[in-house]
Each structure stands twice: as C-alpha cells, then as structure tokens.
Amino acid sequence: MPAELPVLQSAALPSDAVEVGRIGEAWGIKGWFKIVPYSTHPEALLSGGTWYLQPSEKGAKSFFSGTVLLTVKQAREHSDSIVATAEEIPDRNGAEALRGARIFIARADFPKAAEDEYYWVDLIGLDVQNREGVNLGVVKDLMATGPQTTLVLSQEVEGGKPLERMIPFVSAFVDKVDIQGRRITVDWQPDY
C-alpha cells in the first residue's frame, strides 16, 4: 500500500516573499525534516510560523504544484543543520515527500534587524552614490568575502556592456544606508 501524502493548502505567494532555503531529507520517524538554508544566519527560518513551499525546479517531481502553505510547529538548530516539523506532516513518509521543496517566507515576517544591520534582500536594488552625489550603480548582489561583505554593483555605461564595481560593505566606506529612500551613500570614487 503506497504511503499517504500530506494534505497541503494552496496559497498565493506573498508579493514580498523571499526564498530562504529548501527542504532536505527526512530526519527521524515523527515527521521531522532537515532544512538547507541559503543563509549562514537563518533567523527567518527559525522564527517563521508559516512557510510557503513551491516545487523544486530541478530533480524529482513534487507531489504538489503551485504554492502551498506549511504551518511550522518547530524549527531549530541541530548539530550543523536545521530541522523542523510541521502540522501537516505526521510522519517520515510525509517528510520525505517534501524533499527538494523550495521554502519562501514573507519579508514582513522576518525578525527585525538590529541597528546598523541589514538583510541582503533589502540592499539589492538600492542606488549607490558617493559623497559628491556621483552615481556608482545599483546593488545587484552581495558577496561574503571572509570577514566582510562586499556590495556588487552594476552600472549601465553608454554604448557598452554594464560596468561591475565592488565596494566593501564596511563603515570605513559606507556612510549611510537609507532603505526607505532606496540609497546607499559611500566614500568611494568612480575610478577606484
């Protein structure tokens, strides 16, 4: 007799949803599963009560399609990974059925960042200008480079391919981050 699949409620993906990880293998026999987080600081995964799942883009086909809700009972760190259990997942078979599913959390449900700390997702898309008001580009990505994070900027250049610029995201170079105004002011020159 085939294992019974979990019943998951269809949902609309929130407009501020952020993909934060994916579901890994089942962990134990009581419906727990491992999480593969996309961040080394997965506070959003650990604090979120509602996760939105979408099928994996690669690998085995999921038993569900579109976006579904998962009501997390508990998520916690365990050894070097994260494990979780959900209301809709009663046993190991249900946990195995979710393997590979992509996890999204509404940005509004993220824990509040400490002062002078920012979620990367909030920095992507911000304009970067130097103290003189010269536009240096738009944040297209961030890179963890050992002890610091680096802003990766893209700037359209007349008649050519986009110019890529990297600026360390440290107080020595970053004067102000204005999330509401969608701008970062830096002590940096265009010819650096």
C-alpha atoms as a PDB file:
ATOM      1  CA  MET A   1       0.000   0.000   0.000  1.00  0.00           C
ATOM      2  CA  PRO A   2       1.532   3.386  -1.014  1.00  0.00           C
ATOM      3  CA  ALA A   3       2.287   5.961   1.672  1.00  0.00           C
ATOM      4  CA  GLU A   4      -0.326   8.661   2.160  1.00  0.00           C
ATOM      5  CA  LEU A   5       0.827  12.087   1.005  1.00  0.00           C
ATOM      6  CA  PRO A   6       0.376  15.134   3.222  1.00  0.00           C
ATOM      7  CA  VAL A   7      -2.557  17.423   2.510  1.00  0.00           C
ATOM      8  CA  LEU A   8      -1.263  20.947   1.881  1.00  0.00           C
ATOM      9  CA  GLN A   9      -3.403  24.044   1.384  1.00  0.00           C
ATOM     10  CA  SER A  10      -2.904  26.042  -1.812  1.00  0.00           C
ATOM     11  CA  ALA A  11      -1.905  29.673  -1.311  1.00  0.00           C
ATOM     12  CA  ALA A  12      -0.791  32.757  -3.175  1.00  0.00           C
ATOM     13  CA  LEU A  13       2.874  33.613  -2.785  1.00  0.00           C
ATOM     14  CA  PRO A  14       3.109  36.978  -0.972  1.00  0.00           C
ATOM     15  CA  SER A  15       4.489  39.829  -3.069  1.00  0.00           C
ATOM     16  CA  ASP A  16       7.324  40.277  -0.548  1.00  0.00           C
ATOM     17  CA  ALA A  17       8.222  36.566  -0.388  1.00  0.00           C
ATOM     18  CA  VAL A  18      11.913  35.675  -0.169  1.00  0.00           C
ATOM     19  CA  GLU A  19      13.304  32.235  -0.955  1.00  0.00           C
ATOM     20  CA  VAL A  20      15.273  31.250   2.160  1.00  0.00           C
ATOM     21  CA  GLY A  21      16.076  27.558   1.698  1.00  0.00           C
ATOM     22  CA  ARG A  22      14.852  24.157   0.654  1.00  0.00           C
ATOM     23  CA  ILE A  23      13.700  21.001   2.376  1.00  0.00           C
ATOM     24  CA  GLY A  24      16.266  18.226   2.635  1.00  0.00           C
ATOM     25  CA  GLU A  25      15.934  14.650   3.788  1.00  0.00           C
ATOM     26  CA  ALA A  26      13.594  13.311   6.448  1.00  0.00           C
ATOM     27  CA  TRP A  27      15.009  13.307   9.989  1.00  0.00           C
ATOM     28  CA  GLY A  28      13.684  10.605  12.296  1.00  0.00           C
ATOM     29  CA  ILE A  29      10.319   8.896  12.097  1.00  0.00           C
ATOM     30  CA  LYS A  30       7.960  11.520  13.548  1.00  0.00           C
ATOM     31  CA  GLY A  31       7.698  13.883  10.557  1.00  0.00           C
ATOM     32  CA  TRP A  32      10.805  15.989  11.153  1.00  0.00           C
ATOM     33  CA  PHE A  33      12.884  17.052   8.141  1.00  0.00           C
ATOM     34  CA  LYS A  34      16.198  18.778   7.528  1.00  0.00           C
ATOM     35  CA  ILE A  35      16.433  22.246   6.010  1.00  0.00           C
ATOM     36  CA  VAL A  36      19.141  23.504   3.674  1.00  0.00           C
ATOM     37  CA  PRO A  37      19.211  27.255   4.448  1.00  0.00           C
ATOM     38  CA  TYR A  38      20.549  29.786   1.948  1.00  0.00           C
ATOM     39  CA  SER A  39      21.966  31.951   4.740  1.00  0.00           C
ATOM     40  CA  THR A  40      24.544  31.306   7.424  1.00  0.00           C
ATOM     41  CA  HIS A  41      22.230  33.234   9.776  1.00  0.00           C
ATOM     42  CA  PRO A  42      18.818  31.599   9.227  1.00  0.00           C
ATOM     43  CA  GLU A  43      16.828  33.596  11.802  1.00  0.00           C
ATOM     44  CA  ALA A  44      13.900  33.981   9.400  1.00  0.00           C
ATOM     45  CA  LEU A  45      13.612  30.197   9.068  1.00  0.00           C
ATOM     46  CA  LEU A  46      13.775  29.700  12.803  1.00  0.00           C
ATOM     47  CA  SER A  47      11.171  32.339  13.611  1.00  0.00           C
ATOM     48  CA  GLY A  48       8.674  31.855  10.785  1.00  0.00           C
ATOM     49  CA  GLY A  49       5.414  30.131  11.658  1.00  0.00           C
ATOM     50  CA  THR A  50       4.170  29.994   8.078  1.00  0.00           C
ATOM     51  CA  TRP A  51       6.282  28.867   5.165  1.00  0.00           C
ATOM     52  CA  TYR A  52       5.251  28.935   1.537  1.00  0.00           C
ATOM     53  CA  LEU A  53       6.506  25.986  -0.489  1.00  0.00           C
ATOM     54  CA  GLN A  54       6.997  25.649  -4.212  1.00  0.00           C
ATOM     55  CA  PRO A  55       8.174  22.539  -6.049  1.00  0.00           C
ATOM     56  CA  SER A  56      11.850  22.080  -6.763  1.00  0.00           C
ATOM     57  CA  GLU A  57      12.977  23.493 -10.089  1.00  0.00           C
ATOM     58  CA  LYS A  58      15.327  20.538 -10.596  1.00  0.00           C
ATOM     59  CA  GLY A  59      15.366  16.909  -9.609  1.00  0.00           C
ATOM     60  CA  ALA A  60      12.418  14.715  -8.757  1.00  0.00           C
ATOM     61  CA  LYS A  61       8.900  15.985  -9.336  1.00  0.00           C
ATOM     62  CA  SER A  62       6.992  17.127  -6.248  1.00  0.00           C
ATOM     63  CA  PHE A  63       3.601  15.676  -5.413  1.00  0.00           C
ATOM     64  CA  PHE A  64       2.155  19.215  -5.344  1.00  0.00           C
ATOM     65  CA  SER A  65       2.173  22.096  -7.811  1.00  0.00           C
ATOM     66  CA  GLY A  66       1.991  25.847  -7.419  1.00  0.00           C
ATOM     67  CA  THR A  67       2.383  27.381  -3.972  1.00  0.00           C
ATOM     68  CA  VAL A  68       1.256  25.660  -0.764  1.00  0.00           C
ATOM     69  CA  LEU A  69       1.288  26.583   2.924  1.00  0.00           C
ATOM     70  CA  LEU A  70       3.227  24.765   5.617  1.00  0.00           C
ATOM     71  CA  THR A  71       2.450  25.530   9.272  1.00  0.00           C
ATOM     72  CA  VAL A  72       5.710  25.102  11.167  1.00  0.00           C
ATOM     73  CA  LYS A  73       5.345  23.687  14.683  1.00  0.00           C
ATOM     74  CA  GLN A  74       9.024  23.940  15.481  1.00  0.00           C
ATOM     75  CA  ALA A  75      12.289  24.765  13.709  1.00  0.00           C
ATOM     76  CA  ARG A  76      15.609  24.578  15.492  1.00  0.00           C
ATOM     77  CA  GLU A  77      19.315  24.183  15.023  1.00  0.00           C
ATOM     78  CA  HIS A  78      20.606  20.659  15.453  1.00  0.00           C
ATOM     79  CA  SER A  79      24.339  19.985  15.203  1.00  0.00           C
ATOM     80  CA  ASP A  80      25.390  21.668  11.966  1.00  0.00           C
ATOM     81  CA  SER A  81      21.959  21.790  10.363  1.00  0.00           C
ATOM     82  CA  ILE A  82      18.386  22.947  10.898  1.00  0.00           C
ATOM     83  CA  VAL A  83      15.499  20.582  11.487  1.00  0.00           C
ATOM     84  CA  ALA A  84      11.791  21.345  11.501  1.00  0.00           C
ATOM     85  CA  THR A  85       8.394  19.770  11.929  1.00  0.00           C
ATOM     86  CA  ALA A  86       5.019  20.979  10.661  1.00  0.00           C
ATOM     87  CA  GLU A  87       1.349  20.491  11.465  1.00  0.00           C
ATOM     88  CA  GLU A  88       0.660  18.912   8.064  1.00  0.00           C
ATOM     89  CA  ILE A  89       3.495  16.365   8.235  1.00  0.00           C
ATOM     90  CA  PRO A  90       2.597  13.437  10.516  1.00  0.00           C
ATOM     91  CA  ASP A  91       5.417  11.008   9.745  1.00  0.00           C
ATOM     92  CA  ARG A  92       8.628  10.215   7.906  1.00  0.00           C
ATOM     93  CA  ASN A  93       6.791   9.451   4.643  1.00  0.00           C
ATOM     94  CA  GLY A  94       5.264  12.925   4.640  1.00  0.00           C
ATOM     95  CA  ALA A  95       8.669  14.485   5.344  1.00  0.00           C
ATOM     96  CA  GLU A  96      10.277  12.510   2.504  1.00  0.00           C
ATOM     97  CA  ALA A  97       7.521  13.667   0.124  1.00  0.00           C
ATOM     98  CA  LEU A  98       8.564  17.298   0.711  1.00  0.00           C
ATOM     99  CA  ARG A  99      12.212  16.727  -0.164  1.00  0.00           C
ATOM    100  CA  GLY A 100      13.538  19.383  -2.530  1.00  0.00           C
ATOM    101  CA  ALA A 101      10.650  21.823  -1.987  1.00  0.00           C
ATOM    102  CA  ARG A 102      11.706  25.469  -2.025  1.00  0.00           C
ATOM    103  CA  ILE A 103      10.889  27.488   1.115  1.00  0.00           C
ATOM    104  CA  PHE A 104       9.676  31.082   0.947  1.00  0.00           C
ATOM    105  CA  ILE A 105       8.900  33.407   3.835  1.00  0.00           C
ATOM    106  CA  ALA A 106       7.142  36.758   3.627  1.00  0.00           C
ATOM    107  CA  ARG A 107       9.702  39.536   4.174  1.00  0.00           C
ATOM    108  CA  ALA A 108       7.254  41.124   6.646  1.00  0.00           C
ATOM    109  CA  ASP A 109       7.640  38.007   8.850  1.00  0.00           C
ATOM    110  CA  PHE A 110      11.450  38.290   9.150  1.00  0.00           C
ATOM    111  CA  PRO A 111      12.739  39.197  12.620  1.00  0.00           C
ATOM    112  CA  LYS A 112      13.622  42.871  12.986  1.00  0.00           C
ATOM    113  CA  ALA A 113      17.279  43.510  12.149  1.00  0.00           C
ATOM    114  CA  ALA A 114      19.458  45.143  14.785  1.00  0.00           C
ATOM    115  CA  GLU A 115      20.511  48.759  14.327  1.00  0.00           C
ATOM    116  CA  ASP A 116      23.097  49.088  11.545  1.00  0.00           C
ATOM    117  CA  GLU A 117      22.365  45.526  10.380  1.00  0.00           C
ATOM    118  CA  TYR A 118      20.563  44.760   7.142  1.00  0.00           C
ATOM    119  CA  TYR A 119      19.132  41.782   5.348  1.00  0.00           C
ATOM    120  CA  TRP A 120      20.829  41.329   1.999  1.00  0.00           C
ATOM    121  CA  VAL A 121      17.461  41.177   0.286  1.00  0.00           C
ATOM    122  CA  ASP A 122      16.796  44.758   1.468  1.00  0.00           C
ATOM    123  CA  LEU A 123      20.045  46.054  -0.043  1.00  0.00           C
ATOM    124  CA  ILE A 124      19.635  44.526  -3.502  1.00  0.00           C
ATOM    125  CA  GLY A 125      18.288  47.130  -5.912  1.00  0.00           C
ATOM    126  CA  LEU A 126      19.423  50.176  -3.916  1.00  0.00           C
ATOM    127  CA  ASP A 127      21.188  53.003  -5.760  1.00  0.00           C
ATOM    128  CA  VAL A 128      24.738  53.713  -4.604  1.00  0.00           C
ATOM    129  CA  GLN A 129      26.146  57.230  -4.720  1.00  0.00           C
ATOM    130  CA  ASN A 130      29.357  58.686  -3.391  1.00  0.00           C
ATOM    131  CA  ARG A 131      29.603  61.738  -1.112  1.00  0.00           C
ATOM    132  CA  GLU A 132      29.753  64.031  -4.152  1.00  0.00           C
ATOM    133  CA  GLY A 133      26.466  62.635  -5.485  1.00  0.00           C
ATOM    134  CA  VAL A 134      28.052  60.641  -8.335  1.00  0.00           C
ATOM    135  CA  ASN A 135      26.004  57.561  -9.190  1.00  0.00           C
ATOM    136  CA  LEU A 136      28.146  54.414  -8.861  1.00  0.00           C
ATOM    137  CA  GLY A 137      25.490  51.869  -9.789  1.00  0.00           C
ATOM    138  CA  VAL A 138      22.792  49.662  -8.323  1.00  0.00           C
ATOM    139  CA  VAL A 139      23.383  46.820  -5.859  1.00  0.00           C
ATOM    140  CA  LYS A 140      22.816  43.644  -7.885  1.00  0.00           C
ATOM    141  CA  ASP A 141      24.336  41.171  -5.408  1.00  0.00           C
ATOM    142  CA  LEU A 142      26.338  40.819  -2.211  1.00  0.00           C
ATOM    143  CA  MET A 143      29.314  38.571  -1.618  1.00  0.00           C
ATOM    144  CA  ALA A 144      30.623  37.179   1.639  1.00  0.00           C
ATOM    145  CA  THR A 145      34.389  37.642   1.372  1.00  0.00           C
ATOM    146  CA  GLY A 146      35.778  36.260   4.596  1.00  0.00           C
ATOM    147  CA  PRO A 147      35.486  38.792   7.413  1.00  0.00           C
ATOM    148  CA  GLN A 148      33.356  41.269   5.460  1.00  0.00           C
ATOM    149  CA  THR A 149      30.562  41.549   2.943  1.00  0.00           C
ATOM    150  CA  THR A 150      31.082  43.197  -0.444  1.00  0.00           C
ATOM    151  CA  LEU A 151      28.461  45.087  -2.435  1.00  0.00           C
ATOM    152  CA  VAL A 152      28.428  44.085  -6.103  1.00  0.00           C
ATOM    153  CA  LEU A 153      27.169  46.984  -8.205  1.00  0.00           C
ATOM    154  CA  SER A 154      26.100  47.154 -11.819  1.00  0.00           C
ATOM    155  CA  GLN A 155      26.122  50.417 -13.755  1.00  0.00           C
ATOM    156  CA  GLU A 156      24.924  50.998 -17.290  1.00  0.00           C
ATOM    157  CA  VAL A 157      27.699  52.546 -19.371  1.00  0.00           C
ATOM    158  CA  GLU A 158      26.970  54.464 -22.538  1.00  0.00           C
ATOM    159  CA  GLY A 159      27.420  52.293 -25.630  1.00  0.00           C
ATOM    160  CA  GLY A 160      28.907  49.327 -23.810  1.00  0.00           C
ATOM    161  CA  LYS A 161      28.251  46.451 -21.529  1.00  0.00           C
ATOM    162  CA  PRO A 162      27.365  47.142 -17.891  1.00  0.00           C
ATOM    163  CA  LEU A 163      30.228  48.099 -15.605  1.00  0.00           C
ATOM    164  CA  GLU A 164      30.613  45.986 -12.473  1.00  0.00           C
ATOM    165  CA  ARG A 165      32.013  47.579  -9.329  1.00  0.00           C
ATOM    166  CA  MET A 166      32.688  46.084  -5.883  1.00  0.00           C
ATOM    167  CA  ILE A 167      32.669  48.065  -2.647  1.00  0.00           C
ATOM    168  CA  PRO A 168      33.351  46.578   0.790  1.00  0.00           C
ATOM    169  CA  PHE A 169      30.237  46.935   2.948  1.00  0.00           C
ATOM    170  CA  VAL A 170      32.082  48.261   5.999  1.00  0.00           C
ATOM    171  CA  SER A 171      31.763  51.503   7.966  1.00  0.00           C
ATOM    172  CA  ALA A 172      35.078  52.805   6.582  1.00  0.00           C
ATOM    173  CA  PHE A 173      33.419  53.132   3.137  1.00  0.00           C
ATOM    174  CA  VAL A 174      29.657  53.125   3.803  1.00  0.00           C
ATOM    175  CA  ASP A 175      28.390  56.419   5.230  1.00  0.00           C
ATOM    176  CA  LYS A 176      24.644  55.818   5.206  1.00  0.00           C
ATOM    177  CA  VAL A 177      22.086  53.204   4.245  1.00  0.00           C
ATOM    178  CA  ASP A 178      18.635  54.651   3.568  1.00  0.00           C
ATOM    179  CA  ILE A 179      16.295  51.713   2.957  1.00  0.00           C
ATOM    180  CA  GLN A 180      13.209  53.978   2.668  1.00  0.00           C
ATOM    181  CA  GLY A 181      14.971  56.315   0.223  1.00  0.00           C
ATOM    182  CA  ARG A 182      16.445  53.310  -1.661  1.00  0.00           C
ATOM    183  CA  ARG A 183      20.003  54.734  -1.493  1.00  0.00           C
ATOM    184  CA  ILE A 184      23.414  53.922  -0.046  1.00  0.00           C
ATOM    185  CA  THR A 185      25.958  56.742   0.330  1.00  0.00           C
ATOM    186  CA  VAL A 186      29.624  55.721   0.236  1.00  0.00           C
ATOM    187  CA  ASP A 187      33.113  57.199   0.458  1.00  0.00           C
ATOM    188  CA  TRP A 188      34.213  55.807  -2.913  1.00  0.00           C
ATOM    189  CA  GLN A 189      35.304  57.260  -6.218  1.00  0.00           C
ATOM    190  CA  PRO A 190      34.234  56.083  -9.686  1.00  0.00           C
ATOM    191  CA  ASP A 191      37.855  55.361 -10.717  1.00  0.00           C
ATOM    192  CA  TYR A 192      38.656  53.054  -7.776  1.00  0.00           C
END
